[in-house]
Amino acid sequence: MPEAVRGAVPLVVVLTVAACTRRPPPAPVPSPTPPAFASEIRPVTGADLAGSWRPGCPVAPDRLRLVRLTHWDFAGQSRTGTLVVHEAVAVDVVTVFDALFRQRFPIRQMRPVDVYDGDDAASMAADNTSGFNCRRAVTEGAASWSTHAYGRAIDVNPVENPYLLGDRVLPPAGVAYVDRGAYRPGMAVPDGVLVRAFAAVGWSWGGVWSNPDYQHFSRAG
């Protein structure tokens, strides 16, 4: 066999082996599917509201509903929270928090005020978003039932959205958010995500009051 032919045979073999051992490129890693919004509305009893309801309250437990909702926290994680509201506004609440979830509006936590034995100050200090609580309105005027006592109000992120009552800041930790000029996550601001979501279902905002209650959203009736 000629010398040139004899030298070409190993080259063909080497190329063939290399082609057989070449590994395919790794498959692309699929992006995680974002969680979907979920909600549930169910009845409650007086036993479920041991810390927030008592005989003589302006609404009976059988007119209230427990609403479970998914929401985003401040770390960008999906969580499940719970609100207690009047049956007449339960669907409104689902609509609002669906909109907030789609916009990734952060909520620190969402627990019935019974977790704090009905103590509104403790719930606010924990930056807890809550609804029904059979209590009097926090006001400098005459004593009256709060809209929360009817299950028709929700306080959202109380630290980021404090209630300014005269010289008082409620909760005290909200003093860092008295200046509303610079937006920070979780704040209620005019024409912002939070205010627009509630306005879309006909709820009013306490942030426009003479004593601004930035956390407070309500629907009378």
Protein backbone atom coordinates (compact mmCIF):
# COMPACT_ATOMS: atom_id res chain seq x y z
CA MET A 1 0.00 0.00 0.00
CA PRO A 2 1.38 3.50 -0.82
CA GLU A 3 2.73 5.48 2.13
CA ALA A 4 0.22 8.37 1.69
CA VAL A 5 -2.78 6.05 1.87
CA ARG A 6 -1.42 4.17 4.85
CA GLY A 7 -1.13 7.48 6.84
CA ALA A 8 -4.69 8.60 6.10
CA VAL A 9 -6.43 5.64 7.72
CA PRO A 10 -5.75 6.61 11.40
CA LEU A 11 -6.99 10.14 10.73
CA VAL A 12 -10.40 8.85 9.59
CA VAL A 13 -10.67 6.62 12.65
CA VAL A 14 -9.84 9.46 15.06
CA LEU A 15 -12.46 11.77 13.56
CA THR A 16 -15.09 9.06 13.71
CA VAL A 17 -14.43 8.36 17.41
CA ALA A 18 -14.51 12.06 18.25
CA ALA A 19 -17.86 12.46 16.50
CA CYS A 20 -19.32 9.54 18.46
CA THR A 21 -18.19 10.87 21.85
CA ARG A 22 -19.33 14.49 21.39
CA ARG A 23 -22.00 15.34 24.03
CA PRO A 24 -25.17 17.27 23.15
CA PRO A 25 -25.55 20.76 24.71
CA PRO A 26 -27.45 20.83 28.05
CA ALA A 27 -31.19 21.38 27.80
CA PRO A 28 -32.31 24.89 28.87
CA VAL A 29 -33.66 25.12 32.41
CA PRO A 30 -37.33 26.21 32.29
CA SER A 31 -38.25 29.38 34.21
CA PRO A 32 -40.32 28.65 37.34
CA THR A 33 -44.02 29.26 36.87
CA PRO A 34 -45.14 32.15 39.10
CA PRO A 35 -47.77 31.17 41.67
CA ALA A 36 -51.38 31.91 40.83
CA PHE A 37 -53.68 33.99 42.98
CA ALA A 38 -56.04 31.89 45.11
CA SER A 39 -58.91 32.79 47.41
CA GLU A 40 -61.56 31.15 49.56
CA ILE A 41 -64.61 32.58 51.33
CA ARG A 42 -66.22 30.65 54.17
CA PRO A 43 -68.55 31.32 57.14
CA VAL A 44 -67.33 31.95 60.67
CA THR A 45 -68.86 31.45 64.12
CA GLY A 46 -68.61 33.32 67.39
CA ALA A 47 -66.04 30.75 68.53
CA ASP A 48 -63.82 31.69 65.59
CA LEU A 49 -63.93 35.33 66.72
CA ALA A 50 -63.31 34.91 70.43
CA GLY A 51 -60.92 37.87 70.57
CA SER A 52 -62.77 40.29 68.32
CA TRP A 53 -66.53 39.73 68.80
CA ARG A 54 -68.85 39.81 71.80
CA PRO A 55 -72.60 40.14 72.40
CA GLY A 56 -73.76 43.68 71.67
CA CYS A 57 -71.54 44.16 68.62
CA PRO A 58 -73.33 45.80 65.66
CA VAL A 59 -72.99 42.76 63.41
CA ALA A 60 -73.52 39.07 64.21
CA PRO A 61 -70.92 36.40 63.37
CA ASP A 62 -73.25 34.76 60.84
CA ARG A 63 -73.02 37.93 58.73
CA LEU A 64 -69.23 37.77 58.64
CA ARG A 65 -66.96 35.77 56.37
CA LEU A 66 -63.39 34.54 56.60
CA VAL A 67 -61.50 35.25 53.38
CA ARG A 68 -58.25 33.42 52.64
CA LEU A 69 -56.05 35.13 50.07
CA THR A 70 -52.61 34.81 48.54
CA HIS A 71 -50.40 37.88 48.65
CA TRP A 72 -46.77 38.88 48.19
CA ASP A 73 -44.61 39.68 51.21
CA PHE A 74 -41.78 42.22 51.33
CA ALA A 75 -39.24 39.56 50.37
CA GLY A 76 -41.10 38.80 47.15
CA GLN A 77 -42.46 35.49 48.43
CA SER A 78 -46.05 34.32 47.91
CA ARG A 79 -47.94 33.90 51.19
CA THR A 80 -51.48 33.05 52.28
CA GLY A 81 -53.27 35.43 54.61
CA THR A 82 -56.71 35.69 56.20
CA LEU A 83 -59.17 38.54 56.66
CA VAL A 84 -62.57 38.62 58.36
CA VAL A 85 -65.08 40.95 56.68
CA HIS A 86 -68.83 41.43 56.26
CA GLU A 87 -70.47 39.02 53.84
CA ALA A 88 -71.61 41.94 51.66
CA VAL A 89 -68.01 42.97 50.85
CA ALA A 90 -66.27 39.59 50.71
CA VAL A 91 -66.27 39.48 46.91
CA ASP A 92 -64.97 43.07 46.81
CA VAL A 93 -62.06 42.00 48.98
CA VAL A 94 -61.17 39.11 46.70
CA THR A 95 -61.25 41.45 43.70
CA VAL A 96 -58.97 43.97 45.41
CA PHE A 97 -56.37 41.48 46.53
CA ASP A 98 -56.38 39.73 43.18
CA ALA A 99 -55.43 43.08 41.63
CA LEU A 100 -52.75 43.66 44.28
CA PHE A 101 -51.33 40.18 43.72
CA ARG A 102 -51.07 40.74 39.97
CA GLN A 103 -49.22 44.00 40.63
CA ARG A 104 -46.99 42.31 43.25
CA PHE A 105 -47.93 44.87 45.88
CA PRO A 106 -46.24 43.75 49.15
CA ILE A 107 -48.16 43.07 52.34
CA ARG A 108 -46.26 42.35 55.56
CA GLN A 109 -48.76 39.88 56.96
CA MET A 110 -52.51 39.31 56.99
CA ARG A 111 -54.05 37.75 60.11
CA PRO A 112 -57.38 38.13 61.94
CA VAL A 113 -57.12 40.57 64.83
CA ASP A 114 -58.14 37.68 67.12
CA VAL A 115 -54.48 36.63 66.96
CA TYR A 116 -53.85 39.79 69.02
CA ASP A 117 -56.89 39.26 71.27
CA GLY A 118 -58.68 42.10 69.50
CA ASP A 119 -55.94 44.58 70.48
CA ASP A 120 -55.81 47.05 67.60
CA ALA A 121 -52.60 48.68 68.84
CA ALA A 122 -50.81 45.31 68.94
CA SER A 123 -52.04 44.41 65.47
CA MET A 124 -50.83 47.74 64.07
CA ALA A 125 -47.45 47.44 65.80
CA ALA A 126 -47.00 44.05 64.10
CA ASP A 127 -47.68 45.73 60.73
CA ASN A 128 -50.63 43.40 60.37
CA THR A 129 -53.26 43.89 57.67
CA SER A 130 -56.66 43.18 59.26
CA GLY A 131 -60.40 43.63 58.81
CA PHE A 132 -63.20 43.01 61.31
CA ASN A 133 -62.76 44.08 64.92
CA CYS A 134 -65.67 44.97 67.20
CA ARG A 135 -64.24 48.19 68.64
CA ARG A 136 -64.93 51.89 68.88
CA ALA A 137 -63.48 54.29 66.35
CA VAL A 138 -60.11 55.82 67.26
CA THR A 139 -61.05 59.47 67.07
CA GLU A 140 -60.95 62.76 68.95
CA GLY A 141 -64.72 63.12 68.51
CA ALA A 142 -67.69 61.43 70.18
CA ALA A 143 -67.50 57.69 70.77
CA SER A 144 -68.94 55.60 67.95
CA TRP A 145 -68.52 52.20 66.41
CA SER A 146 -65.60 51.86 64.02
CA THR A 147 -66.35 50.72 60.48
CA HIS A 148 -64.21 47.72 61.43
CA ALA A 149 -66.94 46.73 63.91
CA TYR A 150 -69.23 46.17 60.91
CA GLY A 151 -66.60 44.22 58.98
CA ARG A 152 -66.55 46.89 56.28
CA ALA A 153 -63.02 48.23 56.70
CA ILE A 154 -59.48 46.96 56.19
CA ASP A 155 -56.21 48.43 57.49
CA VAL A 156 -53.29 47.69 55.15
CA ASN A 157 -49.62 47.75 56.23
CA PRO A 158 -50.19 50.02 59.27
CA VAL A 159 -46.48 50.80 59.80
CA GLU A 160 -45.98 51.93 56.21
CA ASN A 161 -49.37 53.69 56.35
CA PRO A 162 -49.81 55.24 59.79
CA TYR A 163 -52.83 57.05 61.20
CA LEU A 164 -51.98 60.67 62.07
CA LEU A 165 -54.33 61.69 64.86
CA GLY A 166 -53.33 65.15 66.03
CA ASP A 167 -49.80 64.82 67.38
CA ARG A 168 -50.06 61.03 67.61
CA VAL A 169 -48.67 58.57 65.07
CA LEU A 170 -50.42 55.18 65.15
CA PRO A 171 -48.57 52.87 65.31
CA PRO A 172 -45.52 54.70 66.71
CA ALA A 173 -43.21 52.84 64.31
CA GLY A 174 -45.06 54.60 61.51
CA VAL A 175 -43.19 57.82 62.31
CA ALA A 176 -40.63 56.76 59.69
CA TYR A 177 -43.41 56.99 57.08
CA VAL A 178 -45.03 60.29 58.08
CA ASP A 179 -43.19 61.96 55.20
CA ARG A 180 -45.18 60.71 52.20
CA GLY A 181 -42.98 62.48 49.64
CA ALA A 182 -40.73 59.52 48.84
CA TYR A 183 -42.55 56.33 47.88
CA ARG A 184 -41.44 53.12 49.56
CA PRO A 185 -42.83 49.60 49.08
CA GLY A 186 -46.14 48.93 50.79
CA MET A 187 -47.27 52.55 50.95
CA ALA A 188 -50.72 53.85 50.05
CA VAL A 189 -50.35 56.94 47.88
CA PRO A 190 -52.79 58.89 45.68
CA ASP A 191 -53.30 57.11 42.37
CA GLY A 192 -51.02 54.30 43.57
CA VAL A 193 -51.67 50.57 43.13
CA LEU A 194 -53.28 50.13 46.55
CA VAL A 195 -55.57 53.15 46.41
CA ARG A 196 -56.67 52.40 42.84
CA ALA A 197 -57.45 48.75 43.65
CA PHE A 198 -59.85 49.72 46.45
CA ALA A 199 -61.34 52.63 44.51
CA ALA A 200 -62.17 50.26 41.64
CA VAL A 201 -64.68 48.44 43.89
CA GLY A 202 -66.12 51.60 45.41
CA TRP A 203 -64.14 51.76 48.68
CA SER A 204 -62.95 55.06 50.20
CA TRP A 205 -59.49 55.84 51.55
CA GLY A 206 -58.74 57.42 54.92
CA GLY A 207 -55.59 59.03 53.54
CA VAL A 208 -57.63 62.02 52.37
CA TRP A 209 -59.12 62.78 55.81
CA SER A 210 -58.15 65.88 57.81
CA ASN A 211 -56.46 63.43 60.21
CA PRO A 212 -54.98 61.13 57.54
CA ASP A 213 -55.47 57.43 58.17
CA TYR A 214 -53.31 56.08 55.37
CA GLN A 215 -53.86 52.42 56.26
CA HIS A 216 -57.66 52.61 56.30
CA PHE A 217 -59.98 51.54 53.47
CA SER A 218 -63.71 51.17 53.99
CA ARG A 219 -67.09 50.78 52.37
CA ALA A 220 -70.10 52.09 54.25
CA GLY A 221 -73.47 50.41 54.09
